[in-house]
Amino acid sequence: RTEVLATMEGVDTIYTYNGHRFDLPFIDHHLGINLEEMHEHCDLMFRCWNRKLFGGLKSVERQLGIRRELPNVDGKMAIVLWNRYLYSGDLEALDTLLKYNLEDVVNLKTLKEILTGNQP
C-alpha cells in the first residue's frame, strides 16, 4: 500500500483501459486505495468506443497495428503465470508475467498517443 502511494505521488492523471470497471475497483478492494479520488482518471476504452474501436486492449491493439512480443499471453494466462510463481516459485513464469505487464504499460502509452494525436 505504502509503495503504491509513493509511486503515485506527483501523478496528475492515470490512464487505463477498462480500469474504471476492473483495475481501479480491484486496487481499491485489495489495497484500500481509491485512486479515482486522488487523481484524474482517463479510461481509454471509452475513447476507443468513440472511434468505433471495440474489444479488449489486445483486440484494439491489433486493430491499430500495435504489436506485441508476447502475442499468446493474455489476461487469463497472466493469472496462470502468477499462480505458477506464487505456489511453486516458478521464476520463468514471473519473468514472463513481468514482460507481459510491461507490454501492457508500453502499449497503453502508445494507444494514448494515437488517440490524442501526440505520437512521437
PDB file of N, CA and C in Angstrom:
ATOM      1  N   ARG A   1       0.833  -1.197   0.000  1.00  0.00           N
ATOM      2  CA  ARG A   1       0.000   0.000   0.000  1.00  0.00           C
ATOM      3  C   ARG A   1       0.870   1.250   0.000  1.00  0.00           C
ATOM      4  N   THR A   2       1.832   1.295   0.900  1.00  0.00           N
ATOM      5  CA  THR A   2       2.714   2.451   1.013  1.00  0.00           C
ATOM      6  C   THR A   2       3.502   2.670  -0.271  1.00  0.00           C
ATOM      7  N   GLU A   3       3.975   1.568  -0.867  1.00  0.00           N
ATOM      8  CA  GLU A   3       4.751   1.675  -2.110  1.00  0.00           C
ATOM      9  C   GLU A   3       3.893   2.200  -3.256  1.00  0.00           C
ATOM     10  N   VAL A   4       2.642   1.760  -3.317  1.00  0.00           N
ATOM     11  CA  VAL A   4       1.746   2.240  -4.375  1.00  0.00           C
ATOM     12  C   VAL A   4       1.516   3.736  -4.209  1.00  0.00           C
ATOM     13  N   LEU A   5       1.234   4.158  -3.003  1.00  0.00           N
ATOM     14  CA  LEU A   5       1.001   5.583  -2.754  1.00  0.00           C
ATOM     15  C   LEU A   5       2.243   6.411  -3.089  1.00  0.00           C
ATOM     16  N   ALA A   6       3.422   5.914  -2.728  1.00  0.00           N
ATOM     17  CA  ALA A   6       4.659   6.635  -3.029  1.00  0.00           C
ATOM     18  C   ALA A   6       4.892   6.705  -4.534  1.00  0.00           C
ATOM     19  N   THR A   7       4.602   5.620  -5.233  1.00  0.00           N
ATOM     20  CA  THR A   7       4.780   5.581  -6.688  1.00  0.00           C
ATOM     21  C   THR A   7       3.850   6.561  -7.379  1.00  0.00           C
ATOM     22  N   MET A   8       2.659   6.733  -6.854  1.00  0.00           N
ATOM     23  CA  MET A   8       1.657   7.590  -7.488  1.00  0.00           C
ATOM     24  C   MET A   8       1.813   9.065  -7.115  1.00  0.00           C
ATOM     25  N   GLU A   9       2.712   9.354  -6.197  1.00  0.00           N
ATOM     26  CA  GLU A   9       2.916  10.745  -5.781  1.00  0.00           C
ATOM     27  C   GLU A   9       3.370  11.591  -6.969  1.00  0.00           C
ATOM     28  N   GLY A  10       2.724  12.719  -7.160  1.00  0.00           N
ATOM     29  CA  GLY A  10       3.062  13.615  -8.256  1.00  0.00           C
ATOM     30  C   GLY A  10       2.376  13.289  -9.572  1.00  0.00           C
ATOM     31  N   VAL A  11       1.610  12.215  -9.599  1.00  0.00           N
ATOM     32  CA  VAL A  11       0.885  11.830 -10.817  1.00  0.00           C
ATOM     33  C   VAL A  11      -0.414  12.623 -10.879  1.00  0.00           C
ATOM     34  N   ASP A  12      -0.651  13.285 -11.990  1.00  0.00           N
ATOM     35  CA  ASP A  12      -1.887  14.045 -12.155  1.00  0.00           C
ATOM     36  C   ASP A  12      -3.010  13.178 -12.716  1.00  0.00           C
ATOM     37  N   THR A  13      -2.709  12.443 -13.793  1.00  0.00           N
ATOM     38  CA  THR A  13      -3.733  11.674 -14.496  1.00  0.00           C
ATOM     39  C   THR A  13      -3.292  10.226 -14.646  1.00  0.00           C
ATOM     40  N   ILE A  14      -4.220   9.315 -14.369  1.00  0.00           N
ATOM     41  CA  ILE A  14      -3.997   7.884 -14.571  1.00  0.00           C
ATOM     42  C   ILE A  14      -4.716   7.489 -15.850  1.00  0.00           C
ATOM     43  N   TYR A  15      -4.013   6.791 -16.732  1.00  0.00           N
ATOM     44  CA  TYR A  15      -4.608   6.282 -17.968  1.00  0.00           C
ATOM     45  C   TYR A  15      -4.729   4.773 -17.847  1.00  0.00           C
ATOM     46  N   THR A  16      -5.928   4.261 -18.163  1.00  0.00           N
ATOM     47  CA  THR A  16      -6.165   2.821 -18.107  1.00  0.00           C
ATOM     48  C   THR A  16      -6.951   2.393 -19.339  1.00  0.00           C
ATOM     49  N   TYR A  17      -7.113   1.092 -19.465  1.00  0.00           N
ATOM     50  CA  TYR A  17      -8.044   0.541 -20.450  1.00  0.00           C
ATOM     51  C   TYR A  17      -8.977  -0.366 -19.665  1.00  0.00           C
ATOM     52  N   ASN A  18     -10.211   0.020 -19.552  1.00  0.00           N
ATOM     53  CA  ASN A  18     -11.222  -0.663 -18.744  1.00  0.00           C
ATOM     54  C   ASN A  18     -10.890  -0.597 -17.249  1.00  0.00           C
ATOM     55  N   GLY A  19     -10.068   0.354 -16.882  1.00  0.00           N
ATOM     56  CA  GLY A  19      -9.684   0.494 -15.490  1.00  0.00           C
ATOM     57  C   GLY A  19     -10.820   0.935 -14.592  1.00  0.00           C
ATOM     58  N   HIS A  20     -11.776   1.674 -15.163  1.00  0.00           N
ATOM     59  CA  HIS A  20     -12.927   2.129 -14.377  1.00  0.00           C
ATOM     60  C   HIS A  20     -13.721   0.942 -13.839  1.00  0.00           C
ATOM     61  N   ARG A  21     -13.793  -0.129 -14.630  1.00  0.00           N
ATOM     62  CA  ARG A  21     -14.582  -1.295 -14.225  1.00  0.00           C
ATOM     63  C   ARG A  21     -13.737  -2.403 -13.607  1.00  0.00           C
ATOM     64  N   PHE A  22     -12.424  -2.425 -13.871  1.00  0.00           N
ATOM     65  CA  PHE A  22     -11.624  -3.538 -13.351  1.00  0.00           C
ATOM     66  C   PHE A  22     -10.472  -3.091 -12.445  1.00  0.00           C
ATOM     67  N   ASP A  23      -9.471  -2.449 -13.022  1.00  0.00           N
ATOM     68  CA  ASP A  23      -8.233  -2.179 -12.278  1.00  0.00           C
ATOM     69  C   ASP A  23      -8.449  -1.332 -11.026  1.00  0.00           C
ATOM     70  N   LEU A  24      -9.133  -0.218 -11.178  1.00  0.00           N
ATOM     71  CA  LEU A  24      -9.276   0.686 -10.036  1.00  0.00           C
ATOM     72  C   LEU A  24     -10.143   0.095  -8.925  1.00  0.00           C
ATOM     73  N   PRO A  25     -11.279  -0.563  -9.222  1.00  0.00           N
ATOM     74  CA  PRO A  25     -12.009  -1.239  -8.149  1.00  0.00           C
ATOM     75  C   PRO A  25     -11.186  -2.356  -7.490  1.00  0.00           C
ATOM     76  N   PHE A  26     -10.383  -3.074  -8.283  1.00  0.00           N
ATOM     77  CA  PHE A  26      -9.530  -4.139  -7.750  1.00  0.00           C
ATOM     78  C   PHE A  26      -8.522  -3.562  -6.755  1.00  0.00           C
ATOM     79  N   ILE A  27      -7.873  -2.474  -7.142  1.00  0.00           N
ATOM     80  CA  ILE A  27      -6.893  -1.827  -6.265  1.00  0.00           C
ATOM     81  C   ILE A  27      -7.572  -1.302  -5.007  1.00  0.00           C
ATOM     82  N   ASP A  28      -8.730  -0.697  -5.157  1.00  0.00           N
ATOM     83  CA  ASP A  28      -9.469  -0.171  -4.003  1.00  0.00           C
ATOM     84  C   ASP A  28      -9.858  -1.306  -3.058  1.00  0.00           C
ATOM     85  N   HIS A  29     -10.355  -2.403  -3.614  1.00  0.00           N
ATOM     86  CA  HIS A  29     -10.805  -3.536  -2.790  1.00  0.00           C
ATOM     87  C   HIS A  29      -9.636  -4.185  -2.047  1.00  0.00           C
ATOM     88  N   HIS A  30      -8.530  -4.427  -2.751  1.00  0.00           N
ATOM     89  CA  HIS A  30      -7.431  -5.184  -2.155  1.00  0.00           C
ATOM     90  C   HIS A  30      -6.436  -4.329  -1.375  1.00  0.00           C
ATOM     91  N   LEU A  31      -6.307  -3.056  -1.726  1.00  0.00           N
ATOM     92  CA  LEU A  31      -5.338  -2.205  -1.041  1.00  0.00           C
ATOM     93  C   LEU A  31      -5.978  -1.061  -0.267  1.00  0.00           C
ATOM     94  N   GLY A  32      -7.275  -0.859  -0.479  1.00  0.00           N
ATOM     95  CA  GLY A  32      -7.950   0.240   0.200  1.00  0.00           C
ATOM     96  C   GLY A  32      -7.520   1.606  -0.308  1.00  0.00           C
ATOM     97  N   ILE A  33      -7.132   1.663  -1.586  1.00  0.00           N
ATOM     98  CA  ILE A  33      -6.699   2.927  -2.187  1.00  0.00           C
ATOM     99  C   ILE A  33      -7.666   3.276  -3.311  1.00  0.00           C
ATOM    100  N   ASN A  34      -8.378   4.380  -3.154  1.00  0.00           N
ATOM    101  CA  ASN A  34      -9.289   4.828  -4.203  1.00  0.00           C
ATOM    102  C   ASN A  34      -8.550   5.842  -5.070  1.00  0.00           C
ATOM    103  N   LEU A  35      -7.923   5.337  -6.121  1.00  0.00           N
ATOM    104  CA  LEU A  35      -7.106   6.196  -6.978  1.00  0.00           C
ATOM    105  C   LEU A  35      -7.926   7.252  -7.703  1.00  0.00           C
ATOM    106  N   GLU A  36      -9.204   6.969  -7.957  1.00  0.00           N
ATOM    107  CA  GLU A  36     -10.047   7.954  -8.654  1.00  0.00           C
ATOM    108  C   GLU A  36     -10.332   9.174  -7.783  1.00  0.00           C
ATOM    109  N   GLU A  37     -10.255   9.020  -6.471  1.00  0.00           N
ATOM    110  CA  GLU A  37     -10.426  10.169  -5.585  1.00  0.00           C
ATOM    111  C   GLU A  37      -9.155  11.009  -5.506  1.00  0.00           C
ATOM    112  N   MET A  38      -8.009  10.382  -5.798  1.00  0.00           N
ATOM    113  CA  MET A  38      -6.719  11.042  -5.628  1.00  0.00           C
ATOM    114  C   MET A  38      -6.156  11.624  -6.926  1.00  0.00           C
ATOM    115  N   HIS A  39      -6.632  11.117  -8.075  1.00  0.00           N
ATOM    116  CA  HIS A  39      -6.059  11.501  -9.366  1.00  0.00           C
ATOM    117  C   HIS A  39      -7.164  11.617 -10.406  1.00  0.00           C
ATOM    118  N   GLU A  40      -6.895  12.398 -11.436  1.00  0.00           N
ATOM    119  CA  GLU A  40      -7.767  12.363 -12.609  1.00  0.00           C
ATOM    120  C   GLU A  40      -7.613  10.981 -13.226  1.00  0.00           C
ATOM    121  N   HIS A  41      -8.679  10.482 -13.845  1.00  0.00           N
ATOM    122  CA  HIS A  41      -8.609   9.160 -14.472  1.00  0.00           C
ATOM    123  C   HIS A  41      -9.190   9.243 -15.869  1.00  0.00           C
ATOM    124  N   CYS A  42      -8.436   8.746 -16.830  1.00  0.00           N
ATOM    125  CA  CYS A  42      -8.899   8.676 -18.211  1.00  0.00           C
ATOM    126  C   CYS A  42      -8.905   7.214 -18.632  1.00  0.00           C
ATOM    127  N   ASP A  43     -10.092   6.652 -18.802  1.00  0.00           N
ATOM    128  CA  ASP A  43     -10.223   5.272 -19.264  1.00  0.00           C
ATOM    129  C   ASP A  43     -10.259   5.305 -20.788  1.00  0.00           C
ATOM    130  N   LEU A  44      -9.171   4.883 -21.405  1.00  0.00           N
ATOM    131  CA  LEU A  44      -9.040   4.955 -22.858  1.00  0.00           C
ATOM    132  C   LEU A  44     -10.033   4.063 -23.593  1.00  0.00           C
ATOM    133  N   MET A  45     -10.628   3.104 -22.897  1.00  0.00           N
ATOM    134  CA  MET A  45     -11.617   2.241 -23.535  1.00  0.00           C
ATOM    135  C   MET A  45     -12.768   3.073 -24.111  1.00  0.00           C
ATOM    136  N   PHE A  46     -13.208   4.076 -23.365  1.00  0.00           N
ATOM    137  CA  PHE A  46     -14.333   4.886 -23.826  1.00  0.00           C
ATOM    138  C   PHE A  46     -13.938   5.756 -25.019  1.00  0.00           C
ATOM    139  N   ARG A  47     -12.712   6.230 -25.033  1.00  0.00           N
ATOM    140  CA  ARG A  47     -12.229   6.974 -26.205  1.00  0.00           C
ATOM    141  C   ARG A  47     -12.150   6.057 -27.423  1.00  0.00           C
ATOM    142  N   CYS A  48     -11.774   4.811 -27.196  1.00  0.00           N
ATOM    143  CA  CYS A  48     -11.747   3.840 -28.300  1.00  0.00           C
ATOM    144  C   CYS A  48     -13.157   3.611 -28.831  1.00  0.00           C
ATOM    145  N   TRP A  49     -14.115   3.465 -27.943  1.00  0.00           N
ATOM    146  CA  TRP A  49     -15.501   3.256 -28.373  1.00  0.00           C
ATOM    147  C   TRP A  49     -15.964   4.413 -29.246  1.00  0.00           C
ATOM    148  N   ASN A  50     -15.586   5.638 -28.878  1.00  0.00           N
ATOM    149  CA  ASN A  50     -15.965   6.809 -29.680  1.00  0.00           C
ATOM    150  C   ASN A  50     -15.403   6.741 -31.090  1.00  0.00           C
ATOM    151  N   ARG A  51     -14.344   5.979 -31.265  1.00  0.00           N
ATOM    152  CA  ARG A  51     -13.725   5.810 -32.592  1.00  0.00           C
ATOM    153  C   ARG A  51     -14.088   4.462 -33.215  1.00  0.00           C
ATOM    154  N   LYS A  52     -15.113   3.816 -32.660  1.00  0.00           N
ATOM    155  CA  LYS A  52     -15.584   2.519 -33.173  1.00  0.00           C
ATOM    156  C   LYS A  52     -14.517   1.436 -33.044  1.00  0.00           C
ATOM    157  N   LEU A  53     -13.680   1.535 -32.028  1.00  0.00           N
ATOM    158  CA  LEU A  53     -12.678   0.518 -31.715  1.00  0.00           C
ATOM    159  C   LEU A  53     -13.180  -0.243 -30.497  1.00  0.00           C
ATOM    160  N   PHE A  54     -13.669  -1.455 -30.734  1.00  0.00           N
ATOM    161  CA  PHE A  54     -14.286  -2.233 -29.666  1.00  0.00           C
ATOM    162  C   PHE A  54     -13.438  -3.453 -29.340  1.00  0.00           C
ATOM    163  N   GLY A  55     -13.660  -3.999 -28.155  1.00  0.00           N
ATOM    164  CA  GLY A  55     -12.945  -5.190 -27.712  1.00  0.00           C
ATOM    165  C   GLY A  55     -11.998  -4.842 -26.584  1.00  0.00           C
ATOM    166  N   GLY A  56     -11.281  -5.865 -26.134  1.00  0.00           N
ATOM    167  CA  GLY A  56     -10.298  -5.662 -25.086  1.00  0.00           C
ATOM    168  C   GLY A  56      -9.073  -4.932 -25.616  1.00  0.00           C
ATOM    169  N   LEU A  57      -8.153  -4.649 -24.726  1.00  0.00           N
ATOM    170  CA  LEU A  57      -6.949  -3.912 -25.104  1.00  0.00           C
ATOM    171  C   LEU A  57      -6.196  -4.607 -26.234  1.00  0.00           C
ATOM    172  N   LYS A  58      -6.026  -5.928 -26.140  1.00  0.00           N
ATOM    173  CA  LYS A  58      -5.277  -6.651 -27.185  1.00  0.00           C
ATOM    174  C   LYS A  58      -5.982  -6.548 -28.531  1.00  0.00           C
ATOM    175  N   SER A  59      -7.300  -6.619 -28.540  1.00  0.00           N
ATOM    176  CA  SER A  59      -8.067  -6.505 -29.782  1.00  0.00           C
ATOM    177  C   SER A  59      -7.895  -5.121 -30.400  1.00  0.00           C
ATOM    178  N   VAL A  60      -7.969  -4.089 -29.579  1.00  0.00           N
ATOM    179  CA  VAL A  60      -7.793  -2.721 -30.075  1.00  0.00           C
ATOM    180  C   VAL A  60      -6.368  -2.537 -30.598  1.00  0.00           C
ATOM    181  N   GLU A  61      -5.405  -3.103 -29.901  1.00  0.00           N
ATOM    182  CA  GLU A  61      -4.020  -3.028 -30.382  1.00  0.00           C
ATOM    183  C   GLU A  61      -3.907  -3.629 -31.785  1.00  0.00           C
ATOM    184  N   ARG A  62      -4.508  -4.791 -31.979  1.00  0.00           N
ATOM    185  CA  ARG A  62      -4.456  -5.434 -33.301  1.00  0.00           C
ATOM    186  C   ARG A  62      -5.120  -4.557 -34.356  1.00  0.00           C
ATOM    187  N   GLN A  63      -6.267  -3.955 -34.018  1.00  0.00           N
ATOM    188  CA  GLN A  63      -6.975  -3.093 -34.968  1.00  0.00           C
ATOM    189  C   GLN A  63      -6.124  -1.893 -35.382  1.00  0.00           C
ATOM    190  N   LEU A  64      -5.262  -1.436 -34.488  1.00  0.00           N
ATOM    191  CA  LEU A  64      -4.435  -0.257 -34.756  1.00  0.00           C
ATOM    192  C   LEU A  64      -3.016  -0.614 -35.210  1.00  0.00           C
ATOM    193  N   GLY A  65      -2.728  -1.906 -35.287  1.00  0.00           N
ATOM    194  CA  GLY A  65      -1.398  -2.330 -35.723  1.00  0.00           C
ATOM    195  C   GLY A  65      -0.322  -2.207 -34.660  1.00  0.00           C
ATOM    196  N   ILE A  66      -0.721  -2.170 -33.397  1.00  0.00           N
ATOM    197  CA  ILE A  66       0.241  -2.129 -32.295  1.00  0.00           C
ATOM    198  C   ILE A  66       0.669  -3.567 -32.015  1.00  0.00           C
ATOM    199  N   ARG A  67       1.963  -3.818 -32.088  1.00  0.00           N
ATOM    200  CA  ARG A  67       2.478  -5.181 -31.976  1.00  0.00           C
ATOM    201  C   ARG A  67       2.843  -5.539 -30.540  1.00  0.00           C
ATOM    202  N   ARG A  68       2.871  -6.853 -30.307  1.00  0.00           N
ATOM    203  CA  ARG A  68       3.285  -7.404 -29.013  1.00  0.00           C
ATOM    204  C   ARG A  68       4.384  -8.431 -29.223  1.00  0.00           C
ATOM    205  N   GLU A  69       5.307  -8.480 -28.272  1.00  0.00           N
ATOM    206  CA  GLU A  69       6.347  -9.514 -28.278  1.00  0.00           C
ATOM    207  C   GLU A  69       5.792 -10.836 -27.768  1.00  0.00           C
ATOM    208  N   LEU A  70       4.777 -10.766 -26.918  1.00  0.00           N
ATOM    209  CA  LEU A  70       4.161 -11.958 -26.321  1.00  0.00           C
ATOM    210  C   LEU A  70       2.700 -12.040 -26.754  1.00  0.00           C
ATOM    211  N   PRO A  71       2.426 -12.293 -28.031  1.00  0.00           N
ATOM    212  CA  PRO A  71       1.040 -12.251 -28.513  1.00  0.00           C
ATOM    213  C   PRO A  71       0.141 -13.349 -27.941  1.00  0.00           C
ATOM    214  N   ASN A  72       0.732 -14.413 -27.397  1.00  0.00           N
ATOM    215  CA  ASN A  72      -0.079 -15.522 -26.893  1.00  0.00           C
ATOM    216  C   ASN A  72      -0.376 -15.422 -25.403  1.00  0.00           C
ATOM    217  N   VAL A  73       0.090 -14.370 -24.769  1.00  0.00           N
ATOM    218  CA  VAL A  73      -0.192 -14.171 -23.348  1.00  0.00           C
ATOM    219  C   VAL A  73      -1.318 -13.153 -23.235  1.00  0.00           C
ATOM    220  N   ASP A  74      -2.351 -13.532 -22.480  1.00  0.00           N
ATOM    221  CA  ASP A  74      -3.484 -12.634 -22.262  1.00  0.00           C
ATOM    222  C   ASP A  74      -3.779 -12.575 -20.766  1.00  0.00           C
ATOM    223  N   GLY A  75      -4.868 -11.922 -20.408  1.00  0.00           N
ATOM    224  CA  GLY A  75      -5.216 -11.766 -19.001  1.00  0.00           C
ATOM    225  C   GLY A  75      -5.414 -13.083 -18.271  1.00  0.00           C
ATOM    226  N   LYS A  76      -6.019 -14.055 -18.934  1.00  0.00           N
ATOM    227  CA  LYS A  76      -6.214 -15.371 -18.303  1.00  0.00           C
ATOM    228  C   LYS A  76      -4.879 -16.052 -18.064  1.00  0.00           C
ATOM    229  N   MET A  77      -3.995 -15.969 -19.058  1.00  0.00           N
ATOM    230  CA  MET A  77      -2.671 -16.569 -18.906  1.00  0.00           C
ATOM    231  C   MET A  77      -1.883 -15.855 -17.820  1.00  0.00           C
ATOM    232  N   ALA A  78      -2.091 -14.556 -17.664  1.00  0.00           N
ATOM    233  CA  ALA A  78      -1.396 -13.803 -16.620  1.00  0.00           C
ATOM    234  C   ALA A  78      -1.727 -14.371 -15.241  1.00  0.00           C
ATOM    235  N   ILE A  79      -2.968 -14.748 -15.037  1.00  0.00           N
ATOM    236  CA  ILE A  79      -3.377 -15.343 -13.756  1.00  0.00           C
ATOM    237  C   ILE A  79      -2.677 -16.679 -13.555  1.00  0.00           C
ATOM    238  N   VAL A  80      -2.612 -17.486 -14.615  1.00  0.00           N
ATOM    239  CA  VAL A  80      -1.927 -18.785 -14.549  1.00  0.00           C
ATOM    240  C   VAL A  80      -0.452 -18.577 -14.202  1.00  0.00           C
ATOM    241  N   LEU A  81       0.182 -17.628 -14.879  1.00  0.00           N
ATOM    242  CA  LEU A  81       1.597 -17.348 -14.620  1.00  0.00           C
ATOM    243  C   LEU A  81       1.819 -16.906 -13.178  1.00  0.00           C
ATOM    244  N   TRP A  82       0.949 -16.024 -12.682  1.00  0.00           N
ATOM    245  CA  TRP A  82       1.071 -15.552 -11.309  1.00  0.00           C
ATOM    246  C   TRP A  82       0.945 -16.715 -10.335  1.00  0.00           C
ATOM    247  N   ASN A  83      -0.037 -17.577 -10.549  1.00  0.00           N
ATOM    248  CA  ASN A  83      -0.225 -18.718  -9.652  1.00  0.00           C
ATOM    249  C   ASN A  83       0.947 -19.694  -9.717  1.00  0.00           C
ATOM    250  N   ARG A  84       1.528 -19.894 -10.898  1.00  0.00           N
ATOM    251  CA  ARG A  84       2.710 -20.762 -11.018  1.00  0.00           C
ATOM    252  C   ARG A  84       3.869 -20.196 -10.203  1.00  0.00           C
ATOM    253  N   TYR A  85       4.019 -18.901 -10.246  1.00  0.00           N
ATOM    254  CA  TYR A  85       5.073 -18.280  -9.444  1.00  0.00           C
ATOM    255  C   TYR A  85       4.736 -18.345  -7.952  1.00  0.00           C
ATOM    256  N   LEU A  86       3.524 -17.983  -7.620  1.00  0.00           N
ATOM    257  CA  LEU A  86       3.110 -17.890  -6.220  1.00  0.00           C
ATOM    258  C   LEU A  86       3.185 -19.236  -5.506  1.00  0.00           C
ATOM    259  N   TYR A  87       2.697 -20.294  -6.169  1.00  0.00           N
ATOM    260  CA  TYR A  87       2.576 -21.587  -5.494  1.00  0.00           C
ATOM    261  C   TYR A  87       3.751 -22.525  -5.724  1.00  0.00           C
ATOM    262  N   SER A  88       4.556 -22.286  -6.756  1.00  0.00           N
ATOM    263  CA  SER A  88       5.690 -23.188  -6.979  1.00  0.00           C
ATOM    264  C   SER A  88       7.007 -22.447  -7.174  1.00  0.00           C
ATOM    265  N   GLY A  89       6.985 -21.129  -7.040  1.00  0.00           N
ATOM    266  CA  GLY A  89       8.215 -20.363  -7.155  1.00  0.00           C
ATOM    267  C   GLY A  89       8.815 -20.349  -8.545  1.00  0.00           C
ATOM    268  N   ASP A  90       7.991 -20.533  -9.565  1.00  0.00           N
ATOM    269  CA  ASP A  90       8.446 -20.598 -10.958  1.00  0.00           C
ATOM    270  C   ASP A  90       8.897 -19.208 -11.419  1.00  0.00           C
ATOM    271  N   LEU A  91      10.207 -18.989 -11.423  1.00  0.00           N
ATOM    272  CA  LEU A  91      10.748 -17.676 -11.784  1.00  0.00           C
ATOM    273  C   LEU A  91      10.578 -17.365 -13.266  1.00  0.00           C
ATOM    274  N   GLU A  92      10.543 -18.387 -14.102  1.00  0.00           N
ATOM    275  CA  GLU A  92      10.305 -18.167 -15.533  1.00  0.00           C
ATOM    276  C   GLU A  92       8.892 -17.628 -15.753  1.00  0.00           C
ATOM    277  N   ALA A  93       7.933 -18.160 -14.993  1.00  0.00           N
ATOM    278  CA  ALA A  93       6.556 -17.667 -15.079  1.00  0.00           C
ATOM    279  C   ALA A  93       6.493 -16.204 -14.637  1.00  0.00           C
ATOM    280  N   LEU A  94       7.202 -15.874 -13.568  1.00  0.00           N
ATOM    281  CA  LEU A  94       7.224 -14.485 -13.092  1.00  0.00           C
ATOM    282  C   LEU A  94       7.859 -13.571 -14.136  1.00  0.00           C
ATOM    283  N   ASP A  95       8.946 -14.011 -14.750  1.00  0.00           N
ATOM    284  CA  ASP A  95       9.608 -13.214 -15.780  1.00  0.00           C
ATOM    285  C   ASP A  95       8.667 -12.948 -16.956  1.00  0.00           C
ATOM    286  N   THR A  96       7.958 -13.978 -17.395  1.00  0.00           N
ATOM    287  CA  THR A  96       7.003 -13.816 -18.498  1.00  0.00           C
ATOM    288  C   THR A  96       5.889 -12.857 -18.101  1.00  0.00           C
ATOM    289  N   LEU A  97       5.388 -12.990 -16.877  1.00  0.00           N
ATOM    290  CA  LEU A  97       4.325 -12.109 -16.393  1.00  0.00           C
ATOM    291  C   LEU A  97       4.792 -10.651 -16.356  1.00  0.00           C
ATOM    292  N   LEU A  98       5.993 -10.421 -15.888  1.00  0.00           N
ATOM    293  CA  LEU A  98       6.512  -9.050 -15.829  1.00  0.00           C
ATOM    294  C   LEU A  98       6.694  -8.467 -17.226  1.00  0.00           C
ATOM    295  N   LYS A  99       7.143  -9.285 -18.171  1.00  0.00           N
ATOM    296  CA  LYS A  99       7.270  -8.821 -19.561  1.00  0.00           C
ATOM    297  C   LYS A  99       5.896  -8.491 -20.139  1.00  0.00           C
ATOM    298  N   TYR A 100       4.906  -9.330 -19.837  1.00  0.00           N
ATOM    299  CA  TYR A 100       3.534  -9.097 -20.296  1.00  0.00           C
ATOM    300  C   TYR A 100       3.002  -7.777 -19.725  1.00  0.00           C
ATOM    301  N   ASN A 101       3.216  -7.572 -18.431  1.00  0.00           N
ATOM    302  CA  ASN A 101       2.741  -6.341 -17.791  1.00  0.00           C
ATOM    303  C   ASN A 101       3.433  -5.113 -18.369  1.00  0.00           C
ATOM    304  N   LEU A 102       4.725  -5.224 -18.648  1.00  0.00           N
ATOM    305  CA  LEU A 102       5.451  -4.114 -19.257  1.00  0.00           C
ATOM    306  C   LEU A 102       4.881  -3.792 -20.636  1.00  0.00           C
ATOM    307  N   GLU A 103       4.565  -4.839 -21.412  1.00  0.00           N
ATOM    308  CA  GLU A 103       3.953  -4.609 -22.727  1.00  0.00           C
ATOM    309  C   GLU A 103       2.621  -3.889 -22.593  1.00  0.00           C
ATOM    310  N   ASP A 104       1.833  -4.261 -21.592  1.00  0.00           N
ATOM    311  CA  ASP A 104       0.560  -3.573 -21.352  1.00  0.00           C
ATOM    312  C   ASP A 104       0.796  -2.079 -21.132  1.00  0.00           C
ATOM    313  N   VAL A 105       1.767  -1.742 -20.304  1.00  0.00           N
ATOM    314  CA  VAL A 105       2.042  -0.344 -19.978  1.00  0.00           C
ATOM    315  C   VAL A 105       2.543   0.411 -21.210  1.00  0.00           C
ATOM    316  N   VAL A 106       3.509  -0.168 -21.909  1.00  0.00           N
ATOM    317  CA  VAL A 106       4.079   0.486 -23.092  1.00  0.00           C
ATOM    318  C   VAL A 106       3.012   0.661 -24.169  1.00  0.00           C
ATOM    319  N   ASN A 107       2.213  -0.388 -24.403  1.00  0.00           N
ATOM    320  CA  ASN A 107       1.192  -0.303 -25.448  1.00  0.00           C
ATOM    321  C   ASN A 107       0.048   0.625 -25.059  1.00  0.00           C
ATOM    322  N   LEU A 108      -0.248   0.723 -23.776  1.00  0.00           N
ATOM    323  CA  LEU A 108      -1.271   1.668 -23.327  1.00  0.00           C
ATOM    324  C   LEU A 108      -0.802   3.102 -23.598  1.00  0.00           C
ATOM    325  N   LYS A 109       0.473   3.367 -23.380  1.00  0.00           N
ATOM    326  CA  LYS A 109       1.033   4.690 -23.688  1.00  0.00           C
ATOM    327  C   LYS A 109       0.940   4.960 -25.191  1.00  0.00           C
ATOM    328  N   THR A 110       1.260   3.954 -26.000  1.00  0.00           N
ATOM    329  CA  THR A 110       1.157   4.101 -27.453  1.00  0.00           C
ATOM    330  C   THR A 110      -0.289   4.367 -27.856  1.00  0.00           C
ATOM    331  N   LEU A 111      -1.226   3.635 -27.271  1.00  0.00           N
ATOM    332  CA  LEU A 111      -2.648   3.836 -27.558  1.00  0.00           C
ATOM    333  C   LEU A 111      -3.066   5.255 -27.187  1.00  0.00           C
ATOM    334  N   LYS A 112      -2.656   5.721 -26.025  1.00  0.00           N
ATOM    335  CA  LYS A 112      -2.979   7.091 -25.597  1.00  0.00           C
ATOM    336  C   LYS A 112      -2.455   8.101 -26.609  1.00  0.00           C
ATOM    337  N   GLU A 113      -1.227   7.903 -27.068  1.00  0.00           N
ATOM    338  CA  GLU A 113      -0.632   8.829 -28.033  1.00  0.00           C
ATOM    339  C   GLU A 113      -1.396   8.824 -29.354  1.00  0.00           C
ATOM    340  N   ILE A 114      -1.833   7.647 -29.791  1.00  0.00           N
ATOM    341  CA  ILE A 114      -2.623   7.556 -31.024  1.00  0.00           C
ATOM    342  C   ILE A 114      -3.955   8.286 -30.856  1.00  0.00           C
ATOM    343  N   LEU A 115      -4.621   8.050 -29.739  1.00  0.00           N
ATOM    344  CA  LEU A 115      -5.947   8.631 -29.518  1.00  0.00           C
ATOM    345  C   LEU A 115      -5.906  10.142 -29.319  1.00  0.00           C
ATOM    346  N   THR A 116      -4.810  10.639 -28.768  1.00  0.00           N
ATOM    347  CA  THR A 116      -4.727  12.075 -28.503  1.00  0.00           C
ATOM    348  C   THR A 116      -3.956  12.822 -29.584  1.00  0.00           C
ATOM    349  N   GLY A 117      -3.440  12.087 -30.561  1.00  0.00           N
ATOM    350  CA  GLY A 117      -2.698  12.721 -31.646  1.00  0.00           C
ATOM    351  C   GLY A 117      -1.316  13.185 -31.250  1.00  0.00           C
ATOM    352  N   ASN A 118      -0.805  12.644 -30.148  1.00  0.00           N
ATOM    353  CA  ASN A 118       0.526  13.032 -29.661  1.00  0.00           C
ATOM    354  C   ASN A 118       1.554  11.946 -29.923  1.00  0.00           C
ATOM    355  N   GLN A 119       1.540  11.407 -31.128  1.00  0.00           N
ATOM    356  CA  GLN A 119       2.504  10.364 -31.455  1.00  0.00           C
ATOM    357  C   GLN A 119       3.892  10.967 -31.579  1.00  0.00           C
ATOM    358  N   PRO A 120       4.900  10.222 -31.083  1.00  0.00           N
ATOM    359  CA  PRO A 120       6.280  10.740 -31.171  1.00  0.00           C
ATOM    360  C   PRO A 120       6.759  10.773 -32.608  1.00  0.00           C
TER     361      PRO A 120
END
